[in-house]
């Protein structure tokens, strides 16, 4: 059975090396991307297929096999750049609806495209 966008348990996830978009996978030519939201203010993840929100996830489904993240293969640099270009403007929760979160106690306002593109090891 072929994997389809929206069915992330049947794909091979890769580490994007991003604080905001930790994992991505290719499924029938589409990029599936997980956005790590500012939990507990928002659902833990939002799943995107080619930049379109598919679903919010309150926790990590066991079938996704994302843990430990360090064991996931890293995307090649050109694939990472492709994923980050696809997700431009979608770092804050709600950005996919045109209404990014601007809550007083939420850190979504800090989730810029520049922050999303920072490699995870760069903040030491």
PDB file of N, CA and C in Angstrom:
ATOM      1  N   UNK A   1       0.843  -1.184   0.000  1.00  0.00           N
ATOM      2  CA  UNK A   1       0.000   0.000   0.000  1.00  0.00           C
ATOM      3  C   UNK A   1       0.885   1.243   0.000  1.00  0.00           C
ATOM      4  N   UNK A   2       0.612   2.155  -0.898  1.00  0.00           N
ATOM      5  CA  UNK A   2       1.392   3.385  -0.975  1.00  0.00           C
ATOM      6  C   UNK A   2       0.976   4.346   0.118  1.00  0.00           C
ATOM      7  N   UNK A   3       1.947   5.127   0.587  1.00  0.00           N
ATOM      8  CA  UNK A   3       1.642   6.155   1.593  1.00  0.00           C
ATOM      9  C   UNK A   3       0.940   7.324   0.908  1.00  0.00           C
ATOM     10  N   UNK A   4       0.040   7.968   1.634  1.00  0.00           N
ATOM     11  CA  UNK A   4      -0.663   9.141   1.129  1.00  0.00           C
ATOM     12  C   UNK A   4      -0.469  10.280   2.111  1.00  0.00           C
ATOM     13  N   UNK A   5      -0.472  11.532   1.611  1.00  0.00           N
ATOM     14  CA  UNK A   5      -0.441  12.646   2.546  1.00  0.00           C
ATOM     15  C   UNK A   5      -1.582  12.499   3.546  1.00  0.00           C
ATOM     16  N   UNK A   6      -1.291  12.774   4.789  1.00  0.00           N
ATOM     17  CA  UNK A   6      -2.288  12.629   5.830  1.00  0.00           C
ATOM     18  C   UNK A   6      -2.232  11.274   6.506  1.00  0.00           C
ATOM     19  N   UNK A   7      -1.384  10.368   6.008  1.00  0.00           N
ATOM     20  CA  UNK A   7      -1.217   9.045   6.616  1.00  0.00           C
ATOM     21  C   UNK A   7       0.243   8.884   7.014  1.00  0.00           C
ATOM     22  N   UNK A   8       0.696   9.652   8.011  1.00  0.00           N
ATOM     23  CA  UNK A   8       2.116   9.720   8.331  1.00  0.00           C
ATOM     24  C   UNK A   8       2.707   8.455   8.920  1.00  0.00           C
ATOM     25  N   UNK A   9       1.927   7.475   9.317  1.00  0.00           N
ATOM     26  CA  UNK A   9       2.494   6.262   9.888  1.00  0.00           C
ATOM     27  C   UNK A   9       3.152   5.393   8.839  1.00  0.00           C
ATOM     28  N   UNK A  10       2.937   5.663   7.565  1.00  0.00           N
ATOM     29  CA  UNK A  10       3.462   4.828   6.501  1.00  0.00           C
ATOM     30  C   UNK A  10       4.619   5.479   5.752  1.00  0.00           C
ATOM     31  N   UNK A  11       5.250   6.437   6.326  1.00  0.00           N
ATOM     32  CA  UNK A  11       6.342   7.141   5.662  1.00  0.00           C
ATOM     33  C   UNK A  11       7.597   7.088   6.530  1.00  0.00           C
ATOM     34  N   UNK A  12       8.710   7.417   5.921  1.00  0.00           N
ATOM     35  CA  UNK A  12       9.981   7.451   6.635  1.00  0.00           C
ATOM     36  C   UNK A  12      10.306   8.913   6.996  1.00  0.00           C
ATOM     37  N   UNK A  13      10.251   9.208   8.283  1.00  0.00           N
ATOM     38  CA  UNK A  13      10.485  10.574   8.758  1.00  0.00           C
ATOM     39  C   UNK A  13      11.971  10.887   8.802  1.00  0.00           C
ATOM     40  N   UNK A  14      12.291  12.162   8.563  1.00  0.00           N
ATOM     41  CA  UNK A  14      13.666  12.660   8.612  1.00  0.00           C
ATOM     42  C   UNK A  14      13.722  13.885   9.514  1.00  0.00           C
ATOM     43  N   UNK A  15      14.870  14.083  10.118  1.00  0.00           N
ATOM     44  CA  UNK A  15      15.126  15.254  10.953  1.00  0.00           C
ATOM     45  C   UNK A  15      15.406  16.442  10.039  1.00  0.00           C
ATOM     46  N   UNK A  16      14.653  17.523  10.220  1.00  0.00           N
ATOM     47  CA  UNK A  16      14.822  18.731   9.406  1.00  0.00           C
ATOM     48  C   UNK A  16      15.922  19.629   9.976  1.00  0.00           C
ATOM     49  N   UNK A  17      16.325  19.388  11.223  1.00  0.00           N
ATOM     50  CA  UNK A  17      17.307  20.230  11.908  1.00  0.00           C
ATOM     51  C   UNK A  17      16.758  21.650  12.066  1.00  0.00           C
ATOM     52  N   UNK A  18      15.528  21.713  12.601  1.00  0.00           N
ATOM     53  CA  UNK A  18      14.836  22.972  12.827  1.00  0.00           C
ATOM     54  C   UNK A  18      14.134  22.898  14.171  1.00  0.00           C
ATOM     55  N   UNK A  19      14.139  23.992  14.896  1.00  0.00           N
ATOM     56  CA  UNK A  19      13.419  24.047  16.168  1.00  0.00           C
ATOM     57  C   UNK A  19      11.899  24.031  15.954  1.00  0.00           C
ATOM     58  N   UNK A  20      11.443  24.555  14.845  1.00  0.00           N
ATOM     59  CA  UNK A  20      10.013  24.718  14.593  1.00  0.00           C
ATOM     60  C   UNK A  20       9.441  23.552  13.786  1.00  0.00           C
ATOM     61  N   UNK A  21      10.157  23.114  12.784  1.00  0.00           N
ATOM     62  CA  UNK A  21       9.720  22.023  11.918  1.00  0.00           C
ATOM     63  C   UNK A  21      10.682  20.850  12.096  1.00  0.00           C
ATOM     64  N   UNK A  22      10.486  20.047  13.135  1.00  0.00           N
ATOM     65  CA  UNK A  22      11.476  19.028  13.475  1.00  0.00           C
ATOM     66  C   UNK A  22      11.562  17.863  12.506  1.00  0.00           C
ATOM     67  N   UNK A  23      10.449  17.484  11.864  1.00  0.00           N
ATOM     68  CA  UNK A  23      10.441  16.273  11.049  1.00  0.00           C
ATOM     69  C   UNK A  23       9.680  16.491   9.754  1.00  0.00           C
ATOM     70  N   UNK A  24      10.167  15.817   8.710  1.00  0.00           N
ATOM     71  CA  UNK A  24       9.496  15.854   7.416  1.00  0.00           C
ATOM     72  C   UNK A  24       9.668  14.511   6.731  1.00  0.00           C
ATOM     73  N   UNK A  25       8.764  14.221   5.822  1.00  0.00           N
ATOM     74  CA  UNK A  25       8.821  12.981   5.054  1.00  0.00           C
ATOM     75  C   UNK A  25       8.225  13.236   3.677  1.00  0.00           C
ATOM     76  N   UNK A  26       8.680  12.476   2.691  1.00  0.00           N
ATOM     77  CA  UNK A  26       8.110  12.534   1.349  1.00  0.00           C
ATOM     78  C   UNK A  26       7.077  11.426   1.230  1.00  0.00           C
ATOM     79  N   UNK A  27       5.911  11.758   0.692  1.00  0.00           N
ATOM     80  CA  UNK A  27       4.875  10.767   0.450  1.00  0.00           C
ATOM     81  C   UNK A  27       4.244  11.058  -0.902  1.00  0.00           C
ATOM     82  N   UNK A  28       4.471  10.186  -1.854  1.00  0.00           N
ATOM     83  CA  UNK A  28       3.953  10.349  -3.210  1.00  0.00           C
ATOM     84  C   UNK A  28       4.224  11.741  -3.774  1.00  0.00           C
ATOM     85  N   UNK A  29       5.447  12.231  -3.570  1.00  0.00           N
ATOM     86  CA  UNK A  29       5.861  13.523  -4.098  1.00  0.00           C
ATOM     87  C   UNK A  29       5.509  14.716  -3.242  1.00  0.00           C
ATOM     88  N   UNK A  30       4.699  14.520  -2.210  1.00  0.00           N
ATOM     89  CA  UNK A  30       4.317  15.623  -1.319  1.00  0.00           C
ATOM     90  C   UNK A  30       5.196  15.602  -0.081  1.00  0.00           C
ATOM     91  N   UNK A  31       5.479  16.780   0.442  1.00  0.00           N
ATOM     92  CA  UNK A  31       6.193  16.882   1.715  1.00  0.00           C
ATOM     93  C   UNK A  31       5.190  16.869   2.859  1.00  0.00           C
ATOM     94  N   UNK A  32       5.356  15.943   3.780  1.00  0.00           N
ATOM     95  CA  UNK A  32       4.646  15.960   5.046  1.00  0.00           C
ATOM     96  C   UNK A  32       5.587  16.602   6.045  1.00  0.00           C
ATOM     97  N   UNK A  33       5.125  17.605   6.753  1.00  0.00           N
ATOM     98  CA  UNK A  33       5.971  18.353   7.688  1.00  0.00           C
ATOM     99  C   UNK A  33       5.227  18.500   9.007  1.00  0.00           C
ATOM    100  N   UNK A  34       5.935  18.240  10.102  1.00  0.00           N
ATOM    101  CA  UNK A  34       5.375  18.480  11.427  1.00  0.00           C
ATOM    102  C   UNK A  34       5.887  19.806  11.947  1.00  0.00           C
ATOM    103  N   UNK A  35       4.969  20.637  12.406  1.00  0.00           N
ATOM    104  CA  UNK A  35       5.352  21.873  13.101  1.00  0.00           C
ATOM    105  C   UNK A  35       5.208  21.590  14.586  1.00  0.00           C
ATOM    106  N   UNK A  36       6.249  21.877  15.342  1.00  0.00           N
ATOM    107  CA  UNK A  36       6.208  21.764  16.794  1.00  0.00           C
ATOM    108  C   UNK A  36       5.630  23.063  17.324  1.00  0.00           C
ATOM    109  N   UNK A  37       4.452  22.979  17.908  1.00  0.00           N
ATOM    110  CA  UNK A  37       3.774  24.174  18.395  1.00  0.00           C
ATOM    111  C   UNK A  37       4.213  24.516  19.811  1.00  0.00           C
ATOM    112  N   UNK A  38       3.820  25.685  20.273  1.00  0.00           N
ATOM    113  CA  UNK A  38       4.153  26.122  21.632  1.00  0.00           C
ATOM    114  C   UNK A  38       3.168  25.476  22.601  1.00  0.00           C
ATOM    115  N   UNK A  39       3.468  24.235  22.926  1.00  0.00           N
ATOM    116  CA  UNK A  39       2.672  23.424  23.835  1.00  0.00           C
ATOM    117  C   UNK A  39       2.938  23.874  25.262  1.00  0.00           C
ATOM    118  N   UNK A  40       2.010  24.001  26.143  1.00  0.00           N
ATOM    119  CA  UNK A  40       0.623  23.563  26.094  1.00  0.00           C
ATOM    120  C   UNK A  40      -0.351  24.632  25.609  1.00  0.00           C
ATOM    121  N   UNK A  41       0.142  25.765  25.145  1.00  0.00           N
ATOM    122  CA  UNK A  41      -0.760  26.808  24.637  1.00  0.00           C
ATOM    123  C   UNK A  41      -1.534  26.351  23.403  1.00  0.00           C
ATOM    124  N   UNK A  42      -0.933  25.445  22.650  1.00  0.00           N
ATOM    125  CA  UNK A  42      -1.518  24.938  21.411  1.00  0.00           C
ATOM    126  C   UNK A  42      -1.287  23.436  21.354  1.00  0.00           C
ATOM    127  N   UNK A  43      -1.931  22.732  20.424  1.00  0.00           N
ATOM    128  CA  UNK A  43      -1.654  21.296  20.280  1.00  0.00           C
ATOM    129  C   UNK A  43      -0.156  21.075  20.069  1.00  0.00           C
ATOM    130  N   UNK A  44       0.337  19.924  20.456  1.00  0.00           N
ATOM    131  CA  UNK A  44       1.771  19.649  20.371  1.00  0.00           C
ATOM    132  C   UNK A  44       2.322  19.837  18.954  1.00  0.00           C
ATOM    133  N   UNK A  45       1.645  19.257  17.954  1.00  0.00           N
ATOM    134  CA  UNK A  45       2.095  19.345  16.568  1.00  0.00           C
ATOM    135  C   UNK A  45       0.948  19.778  15.662  1.00  0.00           C
ATOM    136  N   UNK A  46       1.318  20.316  14.499  1.00  0.00           N
ATOM    137  CA  UNK A  46       0.405  20.450  13.377  1.00  0.00           C
ATOM    138  C   UNK A  46       1.062  19.743  12.213  1.00  0.00           C
ATOM    139  N   UNK A  47       0.306  18.886  11.544  1.00  0.00           N
ATOM    140  CA  UNK A  47       0.784  18.161  10.377  1.00  0.00           C
ATOM    141  C   UNK A  47       0.382  18.928   9.126  1.00  0.00           C
ATOM    142  N   UNK A  48       1.358  19.139   8.237  1.00  0.00           N
ATOM    143  CA  UNK A  48       1.134  19.810   6.961  1.00  0.00           C
ATOM    144  C   UNK A  48       1.457  18.857   5.817  1.00  0.00           C
ATOM    145  N   UNK A  49       0.739  18.989   4.717  1.00  0.00           N
ATOM    146  CA  UNK A  49       1.050  18.294   3.468  1.00  0.00           C
ATOM    147  C   UNK A  49       1.255  19.373   2.412  1.00  0.00           C
ATOM    148  N   UNK A  50       2.486  19.489   1.933  1.00  0.00           N
ATOM    149  CA  UNK A  50       2.846  20.527   0.963  1.00  0.00           C
ATOM    150  C   UNK A  50       2.375  21.917   1.390  1.00  0.00           C
ATOM    151  N   UNK A  51       2.583  22.244   2.647  1.00  0.00           N
ATOM    152  CA  UNK A  51       2.294  23.577   3.157  1.00  0.00           C
ATOM    153  C   UNK A  51       0.841  23.811   3.537  1.00  0.00           C
ATOM    154  N   UNK A  52      -0.006  22.810   3.417  1.00  0.00           N
ATOM    155  CA  UNK A  52      -1.410  22.927   3.791  1.00  0.00           C
ATOM    156  C   UNK A  52      -1.649  22.154   5.083  1.00  0.00           C
ATOM    157  N   UNK A  53      -2.239  22.796   6.081  1.00  0.00           N
ATOM    158  CA  UNK A  53      -2.502  22.123   7.352  1.00  0.00           C
ATOM    159  C   UNK A  53      -3.464  20.969   7.132  1.00  0.00           C
ATOM    160  N   UNK A  54      -3.113  19.827   7.733  1.00  0.00           N
ATOM    161  CA  UNK A  54      -3.933  18.620   7.633  1.00  0.00           C
ATOM    162  C   UNK A  54      -4.626  18.353   8.956  1.00  0.00           C
ATOM    163  N   UNK A  55      -3.854  18.451  10.055  1.00  0.00           N
ATOM    164  CA  UNK A  55      -4.411  18.076  11.347  1.00  0.00           C
ATOM    165  C   UNK A  55      -3.524  18.575  12.477  1.00  0.00           C
ATOM    166  N   UNK A  56      -4.161  18.903  13.597  1.00  0.00           N
ATOM    167  CA  UNK A  56      -3.427  19.151  14.835  1.00  0.00           C
ATOM    168  C   UNK A  56      -3.317  17.832  15.585  1.00  0.00           C
ATOM    169  N   UNK A  57      -2.202  17.623  16.248  1.00  0.00           N
ATOM    170  CA  UNK A  57      -1.976  16.411  17.038  1.00  0.00           C
ATOM    171  C   UNK A  57      -1.705  16.819  18.476  1.00  0.00           C
ATOM    172  N   UNK A  58      -2.487  16.300  19.387  1.00  0.00           N
ATOM    173  CA  UNK A  58      -2.336  16.637  20.811  1.00  0.00           C
ATOM    174  C   UNK A  58      -1.135  15.948  21.452  1.00  0.00           C
ATOM    175  N   UNK A  59      -0.728  14.823  20.897  1.00  0.00           N
ATOM    176  CA  UNK A  59       0.471  14.127  21.381  1.00  0.00           C
ATOM    177  C   UNK A  59       1.102  13.412  20.198  1.00  0.00           C
ATOM    178  N   UNK A  60       2.214  12.755  20.420  1.00  0.00           N
ATOM    179  CA  UNK A  60       2.906  12.066  19.352  1.00  0.00           C
ATOM    180  C   UNK A  60       2.356  10.649  19.231  1.00  0.00           C
ATOM    181  N   UNK A  61       1.639  10.347  18.164  1.00  0.00           N
ATOM    182  CA  UNK A  61       1.149   8.983  17.998  1.00  0.00           C
ATOM    183  C   UNK A  61       2.315   7.999  17.896  1.00  0.00           C
ATOM    184  N   UNK A  62       2.204   6.881  18.595  1.00  0.00           N
ATOM    185  CA  UNK A  62       3.288   5.892  18.629  1.00  0.00           C
ATOM    186  C   UNK A  62       3.664   5.429  17.222  1.00  0.00           C
ATOM    187  N   UNK A  63       2.700   5.356  16.329  1.00  0.00           N
ATOM    188  CA  UNK A  63       2.952   4.883  14.980  1.00  0.00           C
ATOM    189  C   UNK A  63       3.840   5.789  14.148  1.00  0.00           C
ATOM    190  N   UNK A  64       4.040   7.028  14.582  1.00  0.00           N
ATOM    191  CA  UNK A  64       4.894   7.939  13.814  1.00  0.00           C
ATOM    192  C   UNK A  64       6.369   7.592  13.934  1.00  0.00           C
ATOM    193  N   UNK A  65       6.742   6.919  14.977  1.00  0.00           N
ATOM    194  CA  UNK A  65       8.143   6.503  15.201  1.00  0.00           C
ATOM    195  C   UNK A  65       9.111   7.689  15.071  1.00  0.00           C
ATOM    196  N   UNK A  66       8.854   8.741  15.825  1.00  0.00           N
ATOM    197  CA  UNK A  66       9.688   9.941  15.795  1.00  0.00           C
ATOM    198  C   UNK A  66      10.722   9.966  16.907  1.00  0.00           C
ATOM    199  N   UNK A  67      10.620   9.064  17.845  1.00  0.00           N
ATOM    200  CA  UNK A  67      11.499   9.098  19.010  1.00  0.00           C
ATOM    201  C   UNK A  67      12.454   7.930  18.989  1.00  0.00           C
ATOM    202  N   UNK A  68      13.666   8.122  19.406  1.00  0.00           N
ATOM    203  CA  UNK A  68      14.275   9.426  19.673  1.00  0.00           C
ATOM    204  C   UNK A  68      14.638  10.127  18.366  1.00  0.00           C
ATOM    205  N   UNK A  69      14.458  11.437  18.372  1.00  0.00           N
ATOM    206  CA  UNK A  69      14.699  12.238  17.165  1.00  0.00           C
ATOM    207  C   UNK A  69      16.123  12.075  16.660  1.00  0.00           C
ATOM    208  N   UNK A  70      17.069  11.887  17.582  1.00  0.00           N
ATOM    209  CA  UNK A  70      18.474  11.766  17.188  1.00  0.00           C
ATOM    210  C   UNK A  70      18.717  10.553  16.295  1.00  0.00           C
ATOM    211  N   UNK A  71      17.812   9.583  16.313  1.00  0.00           N
ATOM    212  CA  UNK A  71      17.999   8.394  15.477  1.00  0.00           C
ATOM    213  C   UNK A  71      17.435   8.573  14.077  1.00  0.00           C
ATOM    214  N   UNK A  72      16.686   9.636  13.845  1.00  0.00           N
ATOM    215  CA  UNK A  72      16.137   9.868  12.510  1.00  0.00           C
ATOM    216  C   UNK A  72      17.240  10.328  11.561  1.00  0.00           C
ATOM    217  N   UNK A  73      17.206   9.871  10.316  1.00  0.00           N
ATOM    218  CA  UNK A  73      18.189  10.395   9.358  1.00  0.00           C
ATOM    219  C   UNK A  73      17.897  11.864   9.080  1.00  0.00           C
ATOM    220  N   UNK A  74      18.956  12.634   8.851  1.00  0.00           N
ATOM    221  CA  UNK A  74      18.793  14.055   8.534  1.00  0.00           C
ATOM    222  C   UNK A  74      18.489  14.228   7.063  1.00  0.00           C
ATOM    223  N   UNK A  75      17.679  15.234   6.775  1.00  0.00           N
ATOM    224  CA  UNK A  75      17.433  15.587   5.380  1.00  0.00           C
ATOM    225  C   UNK A  75      18.723  16.102   4.759  1.00  0.00           C
ATOM    226  N   UNK A  76      18.905  15.852   3.482  1.00  0.00           N
ATOM    227  CA  UNK A  76      20.010  16.469   2.747  1.00  0.00           C
ATOM    228  C   UNK A  76      19.773  17.978   2.758  1.00  0.00           C
ATOM    229  N   UNK A  77      20.821  18.758   2.654  1.00  0.00           N
ATOM    230  CA  UNK A  77      20.707  20.213   2.754  1.00  0.00           C
ATOM    231  C   UNK A  77      19.740  20.787   1.725  1.00  0.00           C
ATOM    232  N   UNK A  78      19.756  20.279   0.498  1.00  0.00           N
ATOM    233  CA  UNK A  78      18.825  20.800  -0.519  1.00  0.00           C
ATOM    234  C   UNK A  78      17.384  20.448  -0.186  1.00  0.00           C
ATOM    235  N   UNK A  79      17.144  19.290   0.444  1.00  0.00           N
ATOM    236  CA  UNK A  79      15.788  18.931   0.866  1.00  0.00           C
ATOM    237  C   UNK A  79      15.344  19.793   2.041  1.00  0.00           C
ATOM    238  N   UNK A  80      16.267  20.033   2.978  1.00  0.00           N
ATOM    239  CA  UNK A  80      15.958  20.904   4.119  1.00  0.00           C
ATOM    240  C   UNK A  80      15.561  22.294   3.612  1.00  0.00           C
ATOM    241  N   UNK A  81      16.325  22.828   2.665  1.00  0.00           N
ATOM    242  CA  UNK A  81      16.022  24.146   2.100  1.00  0.00           C
ATOM    243  C   UNK A  81      14.660  24.135   1.405  1.00  0.00           C
ATOM    244  N   UNK A  82      14.323  23.055   0.720  1.00  0.00           N
ATOM    245  CA  UNK A  82      13.030  22.936   0.048  1.00  0.00           C
ATOM    246  C   UNK A  82      11.887  22.937   1.074  1.00  0.00           C
ATOM    247  N   UNK A  83      12.045  22.177   2.147  1.00  0.00           N
ATOM    248  CA  UNK A  83      11.017  22.122   3.196  1.00  0.00           C
ATOM    249  C   UNK A  83      10.845  23.494   3.842  1.00  0.00           C
ATOM    250  N   UNK A  84      11.952  24.149   4.177  1.00  0.00           N
ATOM    251  CA  UNK A  84      11.860  25.456   4.832  1.00  0.00           C
ATOM    252  C   UNK A  84      11.236  26.500   3.916  1.00  0.00           C
ATOM    253  N   UNK A  85      11.514  26.439   2.612  1.00  0.00           N
ATOM    254  CA  UNK A  85      10.868  27.360   1.654  1.00  0.00           C
ATOM    255  C   UNK A  85       9.364  27.097   1.607  1.00  0.00           C
ATOM    256  N   UNK A  86       8.991  25.830   1.606  1.00  0.00           N
ATOM    257  CA  UNK A  86       7.582  25.445   1.576  1.00  0.00           C
ATOM    258  C   UNK A  86       6.834  25.959   2.804  1.00  0.00           C
ATOM    259  N   UNK A  87       7.514  26.027   3.949  1.00  0.00           N
ATOM    260  CA  UNK A  87       6.875  26.379   5.212  1.00  0.00           C
ATOM    261  C   UNK A  87       7.037  27.853   5.584  1.00  0.00           C
ATOM    262  N   UNK A  88       7.565  28.671   4.696  1.00  0.00           N
ATOM    263  CA  UNK A  88       7.729  30.103   4.970  1.00  0.00           C
ATOM    264  C   UNK A  88       6.396  30.706   5.400  1.00  0.00           C
ATOM    265  N   UNK A  89       6.447  31.442   6.493  1.00  0.00           N
ATOM    266  CA  UNK A  89       5.264  32.121   7.006  1.00  0.00           C
ATOM    267  C   UNK A  89       4.353  31.256   7.854  1.00  0.00           C
ATOM    268  N   UNK A  90       4.704  29.985   8.040  1.00  0.00           N
ATOM    269  CA  UNK A  90       3.839  29.054   8.765  1.00  0.00           C
ATOM    270  C   UNK A  90       4.379  28.645  10.132  1.00  0.00           C
ATOM    271  N   UNK A  91       5.365  29.343  10.650  1.00  0.00           N
ATOM    272  CA  UNK A  91       5.952  28.950  11.938  1.00  0.00           C
ATOM    273  C   UNK A  91       5.014  29.177  13.129  1.00  0.00           C
ATOM    274  N   UNK A  92       4.338  30.298  13.253  1.00  0.00           N
ATOM    275  CA  UNK A  92       3.437  30.472  14.409  1.00  0.00           C
ATOM    276  C   UNK A  92       2.155  29.665  14.259  1.00  0.00           C
ATOM    277  N   UNK A  93       1.651  29.161  15.356  1.00  0.00           N
ATOM    278  CA  UNK A  93       0.372  28.451  15.336  1.00  0.00           C
ATOM    279  C   UNK A  93      -0.705  29.390  14.782  1.00  0.00           C
ATOM    280  N   UNK A  94      -1.524  28.885  13.895  1.00  0.00           N
ATOM    281  CA  UNK A  94      -2.605  29.675  13.308  1.00  0.00           C
ATOM    282  C   UNK A  94      -2.229  30.394  12.027  1.00  0.00           C
ATOM    283  N   UNK A  95      -0.941  30.466  11.701  1.00  0.00           N
ATOM    284  CA  UNK A  95      -0.523  31.168  10.484  1.00  0.00           C
ATOM    285  C   UNK A  95      -1.153  30.555   9.242  1.00  0.00           C
ATOM    286  N   UNK A  96      -1.420  29.259   9.292  1.00  0.00           N
ATOM    287  CA  UNK A  96      -2.018  28.568   8.147  1.00  0.00           C
ATOM    288  C   UNK A  96      -3.441  29.032   7.870  1.00  0.00           C
ATOM    289  N   UNK A  97      -4.090  29.661   8.841  1.00  0.00           N
ATOM    290  CA  UNK A  97      -5.448  30.184   8.645  1.00  0.00           C
ATOM    291  C   UNK A  97      -5.441  31.680   8.346  1.00  0.00           C
ATOM    292  N   UNK A  98      -4.244  32.278   8.360  1.00  0.00           N
ATOM    293  CA  UNK A  98      -4.139  33.716   8.156  1.00  0.00           C
ATOM    294  C   UNK A  98      -4.205  34.506   9.449  1.00  0.00           C
ATOM    295  N   UNK A  99      -4.302  33.801  10.577  1.00  0.00           N
ATOM    296  CA  UNK A  99      -4.392  34.448  11.879  1.00  0.00           C
ATOM    297  C   UNK A  99      -3.363  33.860  12.838  1.00  0.00           C
ATOM    298  N   UNK A 100      -2.071  34.222  12.668  1.00  0.00           N
ATOM    299  CA  UNK A 100      -1.060  33.672  13.577  1.00  0.00           C
ATOM    300  C   UNK A 100      -1.317  34.113  15.013  1.00  0.00           C
ATOM    301  N   UNK A 101      -1.046  33.210  15.928  1.00  0.00           N
ATOM    302  CA  UNK A 101      -1.258  33.478  17.348  1.00  0.00           C
ATOM    303  C   UNK A 101      -0.455  34.706  17.781  1.00  0.00           C
ATOM    304  N   UNK A 102      -1.106  35.560  18.530  1.00  0.00           N
ATOM    305  CA  UNK A 102      -0.444  36.736  19.105  1.00  0.00           C
ATOM    306  C   UNK A 102      -0.797  36.848  20.577  1.00  0.00           C
ATOM    307  N   UNK A 103      -1.008  35.695  21.217  1.00  0.00           N
ATOM    308  CA  UNK A 103      -1.402  35.671  22.617  1.00  0.00           C
ATOM    309  C   UNK A 103      -0.386  36.350  23.526  1.00  0.00           C
ATOM    310  N   UNK A 104      -0.876  36.967  24.586  1.00  0.00           N
ATOM    311  CA  UNK A 104      -0.017  37.691  25.520  1.00  0.00           C
ATOM    312  C   UNK A 104       1.027  36.808  26.186  1.00  0.00           C
ATOM    313  N   UNK A 105       0.677  35.553  26.456  1.00  0.00           N
ATOM    314  CA  UNK A 105       1.586  34.680  27.187  1.00  0.00           C
ATOM    315  C   UNK A 105       2.158  33.572  26.317  1.00  0.00           C
ATOM    316  N   UNK A 106       1.957  33.648  25.033  1.00  0.00           N
ATOM    317  CA  UNK A 106       2.428  32.639  24.093  1.00  0.00           C
ATOM    318  C   UNK A 106       3.688  33.158  23.398  1.00  0.00           C
ATOM    319  N   UNK A 107       4.580  32.253  23.053  1.00  0.00           N
ATOM    320  CA  UNK A 107       5.827  32.647  22.386  1.00  0.00           C
ATOM    321  C   UNK A 107       5.737  32.549  20.859  1.00  0.00           C
ATOM    322  N   UNK A 108       4.543  32.372  20.321  1.00  0.00           N
ATOM    323  CA  UNK A 108       4.398  32.270  18.868  1.00  0.00           C
ATOM    324  C   UNK A 108       4.980  33.480  18.135  1.00  0.00           C
ATOM    325  N   UNK A 109       4.906  34.651  18.729  1.00  0.00           N
ATOM    326  CA  UNK A 109       5.417  35.849  18.050  1.00  0.00           C
ATOM    327  C   UNK A 109       6.917  35.758  17.782  1.00  0.00           C
ATOM    328  N   UNK A 110       7.617  34.899  18.521  1.00  0.00           N
ATOM    329  CA  UNK A 110       9.059  34.721  18.323  1.00  0.00           C
ATOM    330  C   UNK A 110       9.386  33.731  17.211  1.00  0.00           C
ATOM    331  N   UNK A 111       8.371  33.056  16.682  1.00  0.00           N
ATOM    332  CA  UNK A 111       8.595  32.006  15.686  1.00  0.00           C
ATOM    333  C   UNK A 111       8.627  32.597  14.282  1.00  0.00           C
ATOM    334  N   UNK A 112       9.742  33.164  13.956  1.00  0.00           N
ATOM    335  CA  UNK A 112       9.948  33.778  12.642  1.00  0.00           C
ATOM    336  C   UNK A 112      10.507  32.742  11.672  1.00  0.00           C
ATOM    337  N   UNK A 113      10.512  33.073  10.389  1.00  0.00           N
ATOM    338  CA  UNK A 113      11.133  32.201   9.393  1.00  0.00           C
ATOM    339  C   UNK A 113      12.627  32.040   9.668  1.00  0.00           C
ATOM    340  N   UNK A 114      13.259  33.098  10.138  1.00  0.00           N
ATOM    341  CA  UNK A 114      14.687  33.038  10.452  1.00  0.00           C
ATOM    342  C   UNK A 114      14.949  32.061  11.599  1.00  0.00           C
ATOM    343  N   UNK A 115      14.106  32.109  12.624  1.00  0.00           N
ATOM    344  CA  UNK A 115      14.258  31.185  13.746  1.00  0.00           C
ATOM    345  C   UNK A 115      14.012  29.748  13.281  1.00  0.00           C
ATOM    346  N   UNK A 116      13.009  29.537  12.447  1.00  0.00           N
ATOM    347  CA  UNK A 116      12.708  28.197  11.945  1.00  0.00           C
ATOM    348  C   UNK A 116      13.866  27.633  11.141  1.00  0.00           C
ATOM    349  N   UNK A 117      14.614  28.487  10.460  1.00  0.00           N
ATOM    350  CA  UNK A 117      15.734  28.041   9.619  1.00  0.00           C
ATOM    351  C   UNK A 117      17.020  27.803  10.411  1.00  0.00           C
ATOM    352  N   UNK A 118      17.076  28.262  11.662  1.00  0.00           N
ATOM    353  CA  UNK A 118      18.286  28.046  12.474  1.00  0.00           C
ATOM    354  C   UNK A 118      18.487  26.572  12.727  1.00  0.00           C
ATOM    355  N   UNK A 119      19.707  26.064  12.486  1.00  0.00           N
ATOM    356  CA  UNK A 119      19.992  24.674  12.841  1.00  0.00           C
ATOM    357  C   UNK A 119      19.854  24.478  14.363  1.00  0.00           C
ATOM    358  N   UNK A 120      19.396  23.328  14.778  1.00  0.00           N
ATOM    359  CA  UNK A 120      19.113  23.083  16.188  1.00  0.00           C
ATOM    360  C   UNK A 120      20.338  23.178  17.087  1.00  0.00           C
ATOM    361  N   UNK A 121      21.514  22.960  16.579  1.00  0.00           N
ATOM    362  CA  UNK A 121      22.709  23.030  17.410  1.00  0.00           C
ATOM    363  C   UNK A 121      23.306  24.427  17.515  1.00  0.00           C
ATOM    364  N   UNK A 122      22.670  25.426  16.903  1.00  0.00           N
ATOM    365  CA  UNK A 122      23.268  26.767  16.844  1.00  0.00           C
ATOM    366  C   UNK A 122      23.030  27.603  18.085  1.00  0.00           C
ATOM    367  N   UNK A 123      22.166  27.187  19.005  1.00  0.00           N
ATOM    368  CA  UNK A 123      21.866  27.984  20.213  1.00  0.00           C
ATOM    369  C   UNK A 123      22.513  27.344  21.423  1.00  0.00           C
ATOM    370  N   UNK A 124      23.749  27.628  21.633  1.00  0.00           N
ATOM    371  CA  UNK A 124      24.470  27.061  22.782  1.00  0.00           C
ATOM    372  C   UNK A 124      24.986  28.144  23.677  1.00  0.00           C
TER     373      UNK A 124
END
